[in-house]
All heavy atoms as atom14 arrays in JSON, in Angstrom:
{
  "sequence": "FRLGIASTFYTDSYMQRMSAATLEAADAAIFVSSTGRPRALQDSV",
  "atom14_mask": [
    [1, 1, 1, 1, 1, 1, 1, 1, 1, 1, 1, 0, 0, 0],
    [1, 1, 1, 1, 1, 1, 1, 1, 1, 1, 1, 0, 0, 0],
    [1, 1, 1, 1, 1, 1, 1, 1, 0, 0, 0, 0, 0, 0],
    [1, 1, 1, 1, 0, 0, 0, 0, 0, 0, 0, 0, 0, 0],
    [1, 1, 1, 1, 1, 1, 1, 1, 0, 0, 0, 0, 0, 0],
    [1, 1, 1, 1, 1, 0, 0, 0, 0, 0, 0, 0, 0, 0],
    [1, 1, 1, 1, 1, 1, 0, 0, 0, 0, 0, 0, 0, 0],
    [1, 1, 1, 1, 1, 1, 1, 0, 0, 0, 0, 0, 0, 0],
    [1, 1, 1, 1, 1, 1, 1, 1, 1, 1, 1, 0, 0, 0],
    [1, 1, 1, 1, 1, 1, 1, 1, 1, 1, 1, 1, 0, 0],
    [1, 1, 1, 1, 1, 1, 1, 0, 0, 0, 0, 0, 0, 0],
    [1, 1, 1, 1, 1, 1, 1, 1, 0, 0, 0, 0, 0, 0],
    [1, 1, 1, 1, 1, 1, 0, 0, 0, 0, 0, 0, 0, 0],
    [1, 1, 1, 1, 1, 1, 1, 1, 1, 1, 1, 1, 0, 0],
    [1, 1, 1, 1, 1, 1, 1, 1, 0, 0, 0, 0, 0, 0],
    [1, 1, 1, 1, 1, 1, 1, 1, 1, 0, 0, 0, 0, 0],
    [1, 1, 1, 1, 1, 1, 1, 1, 1, 1, 1, 0, 0, 0],
    [1, 1, 1, 1, 1, 1, 1, 1, 0, 0, 0, 0, 0, 0],
    [1, 1, 1, 1, 1, 1, 0, 0, 0, 0, 0, 0, 0, 0],
    [1, 1, 1, 1, 1, 0, 0, 0, 0, 0, 0, 0, 0, 0],
    [1, 1, 1, 1, 1, 0, 0, 0, 0, 0, 0, 0, 0, 0],
    [1, 1, 1, 1, 1, 1, 1, 0, 0, 0, 0, 0, 0, 0],
    [1, 1, 1, 1, 1, 1, 1, 1, 0, 0, 0, 0, 0, 0],
    [1, 1, 1, 1, 1, 1, 1, 1, 1, 0, 0, 0, 0, 0],
    [1, 1, 1, 1, 1, 0, 0, 0, 0, 0, 0, 0, 0, 0],
    [1, 1, 1, 1, 1, 0, 0, 0, 0, 0, 0, 0, 0, 0],
    [1, 1, 1, 1, 1, 1, 1, 1, 0, 0, 0, 0, 0, 0],
    [1, 1, 1, 1, 1, 0, 0, 0, 0, 0, 0, 0, 0, 0],
    [1, 1, 1, 1, 1, 0, 0, 0, 0, 0, 0, 0, 0, 0],
    [1, 1, 1, 1, 1, 1, 1, 1, 0, 0, 0, 0, 0, 0],
    [1, 1, 1, 1, 1, 1, 1, 1, 1, 1, 1, 0, 0, 0],
    [1, 1, 1, 1, 1, 1, 1, 0, 0, 0, 0, 0, 0, 0],
    [1, 1, 1, 1, 1, 1, 0, 0, 0, 0, 0, 0, 0, 0],
    [1, 1, 1, 1, 1, 1, 0, 0, 0, 0, 0, 0, 0, 0],
    [1, 1, 1, 1, 1, 1, 1, 0, 0, 0, 0, 0, 0, 0],
    [1, 1, 1, 1, 0, 0, 0, 0, 0, 0, 0, 0, 0, 0],
    [1, 1, 1, 1, 1, 1, 1, 1, 1, 1, 1, 0, 0, 0],
    [1, 1, 1, 1, 1, 1, 1, 0, 0, 0, 0, 0, 0, 0],
    [1, 1, 1, 1, 1, 1, 1, 1, 1, 1, 1, 0, 0, 0],
    [1, 1, 1, 1, 1, 0, 0, 0, 0, 0, 0, 0, 0, 0],
    [1, 1, 1, 1, 1, 1, 1, 1, 0, 0, 0, 0, 0, 0],
    [1, 1, 1, 1, 1, 1, 1, 1, 1, 0, 0, 0, 0, 0],
    [1, 1, 1, 1, 1, 1, 1, 1, 0, 0, 0, 0, 0, 0],
    [1, 1, 1, 1, 1, 1, 0, 0, 0, 0, 0, 0, 0, 0],
    [1, 1, 1, 1, 1, 1, 1, 0, 0, 0, 0, 0, 0, 0]
  ],
  "atom14_positions": [
    [[0.83, -1.21, 0.0], [0.0, 0.0, 0.0], [0.86, 1.26, 0.0], [0.49, 2.28, -0.58], [-0.98, 0.0, 1.18], [-0.43, 0.59, 2.46], [-0.45, 1.97, 2.67], [0.09, -0.22, 3.45], [0.05, 2.5, 3.85], [0.59, 0.32, 4.63], [0.57, 1.69, 4.82], [0.0, 0.0, 0.0], [0.0, 0.0, 0.0], [0.0, 0.0, 0.0]],
    [[2.03, 1.2, 0.64], [2.89, 2.38, 0.71], [3.6, 2.65, -0.61], [4.27, 3.68, -0.74], [3.9, 2.24, 1.85], [4.85, 1.09, 1.69], [5.67, 0.88, 2.96], [4.84, 0.43, 4.06], [5.08, 0.68, 5.34], [6.12, 1.38, 5.69], [4.28, 0.24, 6.28], [0.0, 0.0, 0.0], [0.0, 0.0, 0.0], [0.0, 0.0, 0.0]],
    [[3.48, 1.74, -1.57], [3.98, 1.98, -2.92], [2.9, 2.58, -3.82], [3.14, 2.8, -5.01], [4.49, 0.67, -3.54], [5.65, -0.02, -2.83], [5.98, -1.33, -3.51], [6.88, 0.88, -2.77], [0.0, 0.0, 0.0], [0.0, 0.0, 0.0], [0.0, 0.0, 0.0], [0.0, 0.0, 0.0], [0.0, 0.0, 0.0], [0.0, 0.0, 0.0]],
    [[1.73, 2.81, -3.23], [0.62, 3.33, -4.01], [-0.23, 2.26, -4.65], [-1.1, 2.56, -5.48], [0.0, 0.0, 0.0], [0.0, 0.0, 0.0], [0.0, 0.0, 0.0], [0.0, 0.0, 0.0], [0.0, 0.0, 0.0], [0.0, 0.0, 0.0], [0.0, 0.0, 0.0], [0.0, 0.0, 0.0], [0.0, 0.0, 0.0], [0.0, 0.0, 0.0]],
    [[0.0, 0.99, -4.27], [-0.82, -0.12, -4.77], [-2.12, -0.19, -3.97], [-2.08, -0.2, -2.73], [-0.07, -1.47, -4.65], [1.26, -1.42, -5.42], [-0.94, -2.62, -5.12], [1.12, -1.45, -6.9], [0.0, 0.0, 0.0], [0.0, 0.0, 0.0], [0.0, 0.0, 0.0], [0.0, 0.0, 0.0], [0.0, 0.0, 0.0], [0.0, 0.0, 0.0]],
    [[-3.23, -0.25, -4.64], [-4.52, -0.37, -3.95], [-4.69, -1.82, -3.51], [-5.17, -2.67, -4.27], [-5.65, 0.04, -4.88], [0.0, 0.0, 0.0], [0.0, 0.0, 0.0], [0.0, 0.0, 0.0], [0.0, 0.0, 0.0], [0.0, 0.0, 0.0], [0.0, 0.0, 0.0], [0.0, 0.0, 0.0], [0.0, 0.0, 0.0], [0.0, 0.0, 0.0]],
    [[-4.27, -2.13, -2.28], [-4.29, -3.51, -1.8], [-5.13, -3.64, -0.54], [-5.26, -2.69, 0.24], [-2.86, -4.0, -1.52], [-2.29, -3.3, -0.43], [0.0, 0.0, 0.0], [0.0, 0.0, 0.0], [0.0, 0.0, 0.0], [0.0, 0.0, 0.0], [0.0, 0.0, 0.0], [0.0, 0.0, 0.0], [0.0, 0.0, 0.0], [0.0, 0.0, 0.0]],
    [[-5.69, -4.83, -0.36], [-6.46, -5.17, 0.83], [-6.15, -6.62, 1.18], [-5.99, -7.45, 0.27], [-7.97, -5.02, 0.58], [-8.24, -3.74, 0.04], [-8.76, -5.21, 1.87], [0.0, 0.0, 0.0], [0.0, 0.0, 0.0], [0.0, 0.0, 0.0], [0.0, 0.0, 0.0], [0.0, 0.0, 0.0], [0.0, 0.0, 0.0], [0.0, 0.0, 0.0]],
    [[-6.06, -6.92, 2.47], [-5.81, -8.31, 2.85], [-7.04, -8.88, 3.57], [-7.75, -8.16, 4.27], [-4.56, -8.46, 3.72], [-4.69, -7.9, 5.12], [-5.02, -8.73, 6.19], [-4.48, -6.55, 5.36], [-5.13, -8.22, 7.47], [-4.58, -6.04, 6.64], [-4.91, -6.87, 7.7], [0.0, 0.0, 0.0], [0.0, 0.0, 0.0], [0.0, 0.0, 0.0]],
    [[-7.28, -10.17, 3.37], [-8.41, -10.86, 3.97], [-7.93, -12.15, 4.63], [-7.21, -12.94, 4.02], [-9.47, -11.21, 2.91], [-10.13, -10.01, 2.27], [-9.69, -9.53, 1.04], [-11.19, -9.35, 2.9], [-10.29, -8.43, 0.44], [-11.79, -8.25, 2.31], [-11.34, -7.79, 1.09], [-11.93, -6.7, 0.52], [0.0, 0.0, 0.0], [0.0, 0.0, 0.0]],
    [[-8.35, -12.36, 5.87], [-7.97, -13.57, 6.6], [-9.19, -14.38, 7.02], [-9.07, -15.35, 7.76], [-7.15, -13.21, 7.85], [-7.91, -12.33, 8.69], [-5.85, -12.51, 7.45], [0.0, 0.0, 0.0], [0.0, 0.0, 0.0], [0.0, 0.0, 0.0], [0.0, 0.0, 0.0], [0.0, 0.0, 0.0], [0.0, 0.0, 0.0], [0.0, 0.0, 0.0]],
    [[-10.37, -13.99, 6.55], [-11.61, -14.72, 6.83], [-12.06, -15.4, 5.55], [-12.12, -14.78, 4.49], [-12.69, -13.75, 7.32], [-14.04, -14.43, 7.51], [-14.26, -15.03, 8.57], [-14.85, -14.37, 6.56], [0.0, 0.0, 0.0], [0.0, 0.0, 0.0], [0.0, 0.0, 0.0], [0.0, 0.0, 0.0], [0.0, 0.0, 0.0], [0.0, 0.0, 0.0]],
    [[-12.36, -16.69, 5.62], [-12.65, -17.46, 4.4], [-13.89, -16.96, 3.66], [-13.93, -16.97, 2.43], [-12.8, -18.94, 4.74], [-13.85, -19.15, 5.67], [0.0, 0.0, 0.0], [0.0, 0.0, 0.0], [0.0, 0.0, 0.0], [0.0, 0.0, 0.0], [0.0, 0.0, 0.0], [0.0, 0.0, 0.0], [0.0, 0.0, 0.0], [0.0, 0.0, 0.0]],
    [[-14.92, -16.5, 4.4], [-16.12, -15.99, 3.75], [-15.79, -14.7, 2.99], [-16.22, -14.51, 1.84], [-17.22, -15.74, 4.77], [-17.97, -16.98, 5.18], [-17.47, -17.82, 6.17], [-19.16, -17.34, 4.57], [-18.13, -18.98, 6.54], [-19.85, -18.48, 4.93], [-19.33, -19.3, 5.92], [-19.99, -20.45, 6.28], [0.0, 0.0, 0.0], [0.0, 0.0, 0.0]],
    [[-15.05, -13.8, 3.64], [-14.68, -12.55, 2.99], [-13.75, -12.81, 1.79], [-13.81, -12.08, 0.79], [-13.98, -11.63, 3.99], [-14.89, -11.1, 5.08], [-16.23, -10.07, 4.42], [-15.29, -8.67, 3.8], [0.0, 0.0, 0.0], [0.0, 0.0, 0.0], [0.0, 0.0, 0.0], [0.0, 0.0, 0.0], [0.0, 0.0, 0.0], [0.0, 0.0, 0.0]],
    [[-12.93, -13.84, 1.89], [-12.05, -14.17, 0.77], [-12.87, -14.58, -0.45], [-12.6, -14.11, -1.57], [-11.09, -15.29, 1.19], [-10.01, -14.83, 2.15], [-9.2, -15.97, 2.73], [-9.51, -17.14, 2.53], [-8.14, -15.64, 3.45], [0.0, 0.0, 0.0], [0.0, 0.0, 0.0], [0.0, 0.0, 0.0], [0.0, 0.0, 0.0], [0.0, 0.0, 0.0]],
    [[-13.85, -15.42, -0.25], [-14.68, -15.86, -1.38], [-15.44, -14.69, -1.99], [-15.49, -14.53, -3.21], [-15.67, -16.93, -0.92], [-15.05, -18.28, -0.62], [-16.1, -19.27, -0.14], [-17.06, -19.54, -1.18], [-16.97, -20.54, -2.05], [-15.93, -21.36, -2.0], [-17.89, -20.74, -2.97], [0.0, 0.0, 0.0], [0.0, 0.0, 0.0], [0.0, 0.0, 0.0]],
    [[-16.05, -13.87, -1.14], [-16.84, -12.75, -1.64], [-15.96, -11.74, -2.38], [-16.33, -11.25, -3.46], [-17.6, -12.08, -0.51], [-18.73, -12.93, 0.05], [-19.78, -12.03, 1.23], [-18.67, -11.87, 2.62], [0.0, 0.0, 0.0], [0.0, 0.0, 0.0], [0.0, 0.0, 0.0], [0.0, 0.0, 0.0], [0.0, 0.0, 0.0], [0.0, 0.0, 0.0]],
    [[-14.79, -11.43, -1.81], [-13.92, -10.46, -2.46], [-13.36, -11.0, -3.76], [-13.18, -10.25, -4.74], [-12.79, -10.06, -1.51], [-11.99, -11.17, -1.16], [0.0, 0.0, 0.0], [0.0, 0.0, 0.0], [0.0, 0.0, 0.0], [0.0, 0.0, 0.0], [0.0, 0.0, 0.0], [0.0, 0.0, 0.0], [0.0, 0.0, 0.0], [0.0, 0.0, 0.0]],
    [[-13.07, -12.31, -3.81], [-12.56, -12.9, -5.04], [-13.58, -12.78, -6.17], [-13.21, -12.66, -7.35], [-12.2, -14.37, -4.81], [0.0, 0.0, 0.0], [0.0, 0.0, 0.0], [0.0, 0.0, 0.0], [0.0, 0.0, 0.0], [0.0, 0.0, 0.0], [0.0, 0.0, 0.0], [0.0, 0.0, 0.0], [0.0, 0.0, 0.0], [0.0, 0.0, 0.0]],
    [[-14.85, -12.79, -5.81], [-15.91, -12.67, -6.81], [-16.02, -11.25, -7.36], [-16.74, -11.03, -8.35], [-17.24, -13.1, -6.22], [0.0, 0.0, 0.0], [0.0, 0.0, 0.0], [0.0, 0.0, 0.0], [0.0, 0.0, 0.0], [0.0, 0.0, 0.0], [0.0, 0.0, 0.0], [0.0, 0.0, 0.0], [0.0, 0.0, 0.0], [0.0, 0.0, 0.0]],
    [[-15.34, -10.27, -6.75], [-15.37, -8.89, -7.25], [-14.21, -8.59, -8.18], [-14.11, -7.48, -8.71], [-15.33, -7.88, -6.08], [-14.03, -7.89, -5.48], [-16.39, -8.21, -5.03], [0.0, 0.0, 0.0], [0.0, 0.0, 0.0], [0.0, 0.0, 0.0], [0.0, 0.0, 0.0], [0.0, 0.0, 0.0], [0.0, 0.0, 0.0], [0.0, 0.0, 0.0]],
    [[-13.3, -9.54, -8.35], [-12.1, -9.31, -9.17], [-12.44, -9.28, -10.65], [-13.41, -9.88, -11.1], [-11.07, -10.41, -8.89], [-10.42, -10.38, -7.49], [-9.68, -11.67, -7.23], [-9.49, -9.17, -7.37], [0.0, 0.0, 0.0], [0.0, 0.0, 0.0], [0.0, 0.0, 0.0], [0.0, 0.0, 0.0], [0.0, 0.0, 0.0], [0.0, 0.0, 0.0]],
    [[-11.58, -8.58, -11.38], [-11.71, -8.49, -12.83], [-10.35, -8.74, -13.47], [-9.35, -8.92, -12.78], [-12.25, -7.11, -13.23], [-13.62, -6.81, -12.65], [-14.1, -5.4, -13.0], [-13.41, -4.72, -13.8], [-15.14, -4.98, -12.46], [0.0, 0.0, 0.0], [0.0, 0.0, 0.0], [0.0, 0.0, 0.0], [0.0, 0.0, 0.0], [0.0, 0.0, 0.0]],
    [[-10.33, -8.71, -14.8], [-9.09, -9.01, -15.52], [-7.98, -8.02, -15.21], [-6.79, -8.35, -15.34], [-9.37, -9.02, -17.02], [0.0, 0.0, 0.0], [0.0, 0.0, 0.0], [0.0, 0.0, 0.0], [0.0, 0.0, 0.0], [0.0, 0.0, 0.0], [0.0, 0.0, 0.0], [0.0, 0.0, 0.0], [0.0, 0.0, 0.0], [0.0, 0.0, 0.0]],
    [[-8.33, -6.81, -14.78], [-7.32, -5.79, -14.47], [-6.75, -5.94, -13.06], [-5.88, -5.16, -12.67], [-7.93, -4.4, -14.63], [0.0, 0.0, 0.0], [0.0, 0.0, 0.0], [0.0, 0.0, 0.0], [0.0, 0.0, 0.0], [0.0, 0.0, 0.0], [0.0, 0.0, 0.0], [0.0, 0.0, 0.0], [0.0, 0.0, 0.0], [0.0, 0.0, 0.0]],
    [[-7.22, -6.93, -12.29], [-6.84, -7.08, -10.89], [-5.88, -8.25, -10.68], [-5.62, -9.03, -11.6], [-8.1, -7.3, -10.04], [-9.1, -6.17, -10.2], [-8.66, -5.02, -10.37], [-10.32, -6.45, -10.18], [0.0, 0.0, 0.0], [0.0, 0.0, 0.0], [0.0, 0.0, 0.0], [0.0, 0.0, 0.0], [0.0, 0.0, 0.0], [0.0, 0.0, 0.0]],
    [[-5.38, -8.35, -9.45], [-4.5, -9.46, -9.08], [-4.83, -9.92, -7.67], [-5.36, -9.15, -6.87], [-3.03, -9.05, -9.18], [0.0, 0.0, 0.0], [0.0, 0.0, 0.0], [0.0, 0.0, 0.0], [0.0, 0.0, 0.0], [0.0, 0.0, 0.0], [0.0, 0.0, 0.0], [0.0, 0.0, 0.0], [0.0, 0.0, 0.0], [0.0, 0.0, 0.0]],
    [[-4.52, -11.18, -7.38], [-4.73, -11.74, -6.04], [-3.49, -12.51, -5.62], [-2.9, -13.24, -6.43], [-5.95, -12.66, -6.03], [0.0, 0.0, 0.0], [0.0, 0.0, 0.0], [0.0, 0.0, 0.0], [0.0, 0.0, 0.0], [0.0, 0.0, 0.0], [0.0, 0.0, 0.0], [0.0, 0.0, 0.0], [0.0, 0.0, 0.0], [0.0, 0.0, 0.0]],
    [[-3.09, -12.33, -4.36], [-1.92, -13.02, -3.8], [-2.4, -13.97, -2.71], [-3.21, -13.58, -1.85], [-0.91, -12.03, -3.2], [-0.51, -10.98, -4.23], [0.33, -12.76, -2.69], [0.4, -9.89, -3.67], [0.0, 0.0, 0.0], [0.0, 0.0, 0.0], [0.0, 0.0, 0.0], [0.0, 0.0, 0.0], [0.0, 0.0, 0.0], [0.0, 0.0, 0.0]],
    [[-1.88, -15.18, -2.71], [-2.25, -16.2, -1.73], [-1.0, -16.65, -0.99], [-0.04, -17.12, -1.6], [-2.9, -17.4, -2.41], [-4.17, -17.05, -3.14], [-4.12, -16.5, -4.43], [-5.4, -17.25, -2.56], [-5.28, -16.16, -5.11], [-6.58, -16.91, -3.22], [-6.51, -16.37, -4.5], [0.0, 0.0, 0.0], [0.0, 0.0, 0.0], [0.0, 0.0, 0.0]],
    [[-1.0, -16.47, 0.34], [0.12, -16.89, 1.17], [-0.32, -18.1, 1.98], [-1.32, -18.04, 2.7], [0.58, -15.77, 2.12], [1.81, -16.2, 2.9], [0.86, -14.48, 1.35], [0.0, 0.0, 0.0], [0.0, 0.0, 0.0], [0.0, 0.0, 0.0], [0.0, 0.0, 0.0], [0.0, 0.0, 0.0], [0.0, 0.0, 0.0], [0.0, 0.0, 0.0]],
    [[0.4, -19.21, 1.84], [0.0, -20.43, 2.55], [1.22, -21.31, 2.82], [2.06, -21.51, 1.93], [-1.02, -21.21, 1.73], [-1.34, -22.44, 2.36], [0.0, 0.0, 0.0], [0.0, 0.0, 0.0], [0.0, 0.0, 0.0], [0.0, 0.0, 0.0], [0.0, 0.0, 0.0], [0.0, 0.0, 0.0], [0.0, 0.0, 0.0], [0.0, 0.0, 0.0]],
    [[1.31, -21.83, 4.04], [2.42, -22.72, 4.38], [2.3, -24.06, 3.66], [3.28, -24.59, 3.15], [2.46, -22.95, 5.9], [2.71, -21.75, 6.58], [0.0, 0.0, 0.0], [0.0, 0.0, 0.0], [0.0, 0.0, 0.0], [0.0, 0.0, 0.0], [0.0, 0.0, 0.0], [0.0, 0.0, 0.0], [0.0, 0.0, 0.0], [0.0, 0.0, 0.0]],
    [[1.09, -24.6, 3.62], [0.88, -25.93, 3.04], [0.34, -25.9, 1.62], [0.5, -26.85, 0.87], [-0.1, -26.75, 3.9], [-1.4, -26.13, 3.86], [0.38, -26.83, 5.34], [0.0, 0.0, 0.0], [0.0, 0.0, 0.0], [0.0, 0.0, 0.0], [0.0, 0.0, 0.0], [0.0, 0.0, 0.0], [0.0, 0.0, 0.0], [0.0, 0.0, 0.0]],
    [[-0.37, -24.82, 1.27], [-1.03, -24.75, -0.03], [-2.22, -25.67, -0.14], [-2.69, -25.96, -1.24], [0.0, 0.0, 0.0], [0.0, 0.0, 0.0], [0.0, 0.0, 0.0], [0.0, 0.0, 0.0], [0.0, 0.0, 0.0], [0.0, 0.0, 0.0], [0.0, 0.0, 0.0], [0.0, 0.0, 0.0], [0.0, 0.0, 0.0], [0.0, 0.0, 0.0]],
    [[-2.77, -26.08, 1.01], [-3.84, -27.06, 1.0], [-5.21, -26.6, 1.51], [-6.2, -27.3, 1.3], [-3.43, -28.31, 1.8], [-2.25, -29.03, 1.18], [-1.89, -30.29, 1.94], [-0.78, -30.99, 1.3], [-0.91, -31.8, 0.26], [-2.1, -32.04, -0.24], [0.15, -32.38, -0.27], [0.0, 0.0, 0.0], [0.0, 0.0, 0.0], [0.0, 0.0, 0.0]],
    [[-5.32, -25.46, 2.2], [-6.65, -25.08, 2.71], [-7.68, -25.0, 1.58], [-7.47, -24.32, 0.57], [-6.4, -23.71, 3.34], [-4.98, -23.74, 3.74], [-4.28, -24.51, 2.65], [0.0, 0.0, 0.0], [0.0, 0.0, 0.0], [0.0, 0.0, 0.0], [0.0, 0.0, 0.0], [0.0, 0.0, 0.0], [0.0, 0.0, 0.0], [0.0, 0.0, 0.0]],
    [[-8.79, -25.68, 1.77], [-9.83, -25.72, 0.75], [-10.35, -24.32, 0.45], [-10.67, -24.0, -0.7], [-10.97, -26.62, 1.25], [-12.1, -26.84, 0.28], [-11.68, -27.69, -0.9], [-11.61, -26.92, -2.12], [-11.23, -27.38, -3.29], [-10.83, -28.64, -3.38], [-11.19, -26.62, -4.36], [0.0, 0.0, 0.0], [0.0, 0.0, 0.0], [0.0, 0.0, 0.0]],
    [[-10.44, -23.47, 1.49], [-10.97, -22.12, 1.29], [-10.09, -21.33, 0.32], [-10.61, -20.59, -0.53], [-11.07, -21.4, 2.63], [0.0, 0.0, 0.0], [0.0, 0.0, 0.0], [0.0, 0.0, 0.0], [0.0, 0.0, 0.0], [0.0, 0.0, 0.0], [0.0, 0.0, 0.0], [0.0, 0.0, 0.0], [0.0, 0.0, 0.0], [0.0, 0.0, 0.0]],
    [[-8.78, -21.46, 0.44], [-7.88, -20.75, -0.47], [-7.97, -21.32, -1.88], [-7.91, -20.58, -2.87], [-6.44, -20.83, 0.04], [-6.12, -20.07, 1.33], [-4.65, -20.2, 1.67], [-6.51, -18.59, 1.21], [0.0, 0.0, 0.0], [0.0, 0.0, 0.0], [0.0, 0.0, 0.0], [0.0, 0.0, 0.0], [0.0, 0.0, 0.0], [0.0, 0.0, 0.0]],
    [[-8.11, -22.63, -2.0], [-8.27, -23.24, -3.32], [-9.53, -22.73, -4.0], [-9.54, -22.44, -5.21], [-8.3, -24.76, -3.19], [-6.99, -25.38, -2.73], [-7.11, -26.88, -2.57], [-7.51, -27.59, -3.49], [-6.79, -27.39, -1.39], [0.0, 0.0, 0.0], [0.0, 0.0, 0.0], [0.0, 0.0, 0.0], [0.0, 0.0, 0.0], [0.0, 0.0, 0.0]],
    [[-10.61, -22.61, -3.23], [-11.86, -22.08, -3.79], [-11.69, -20.64, -4.25], [-12.19, -20.24, -5.3], [-12.98, -22.16, -2.74], [-13.4, -23.59, -2.44], [-13.06, -24.5, -3.24], [-14.05, -23.81, -1.4], [0.0, 0.0, 0.0], [0.0, 0.0, 0.0], [0.0, 0.0, 0.0], [0.0, 0.0, 0.0], [0.0, 0.0, 0.0], [0.0, 0.0, 0.0]],
    [[-10.98, -19.84, -3.44], [-10.81, -18.42, -3.78], [-9.92, -18.23, -5.01], [-10.19, -17.35, -5.83], [-10.23, -17.67, -2.58], [-11.15, -17.63, -1.51], [0.0, 0.0, 0.0], [0.0, 0.0, 0.0], [0.0, 0.0, 0.0], [0.0, 0.0, 0.0], [0.0, 0.0, 0.0], [0.0, 0.0, 0.0], [0.0, 0.0, 0.0], [0.0, 0.0, 0.0]],
    [[-8.87, -19.04, -5.14], [-8.03, -18.91, -6.33], [-8.8, -19.34, -7.57], [-8.64, -18.77, -8.67], [-6.71, -19.7, -6.18], [-6.9, -21.18, -6.42], [-5.64, -19.16, -7.15], [0.0, 0.0, 0.0], [0.0, 0.0, 0.0], [0.0, 0.0, 0.0], [0.0, 0.0, 0.0], [0.0, 0.0, 0.0], [0.0, 0.0, 0.0], [0.0, 0.0, 0.0]]
  ]
}
């Protein structure tokens, strides 16, 4: 955000799903995960 990037972080699985549904081709999403296995993150990606 301090670079002027319009960024928001979400740590709640419901908010992750809803926010992912607002994305468009001009947007990007970053996923941080130790295991890469949480079903909620897989659904959001």
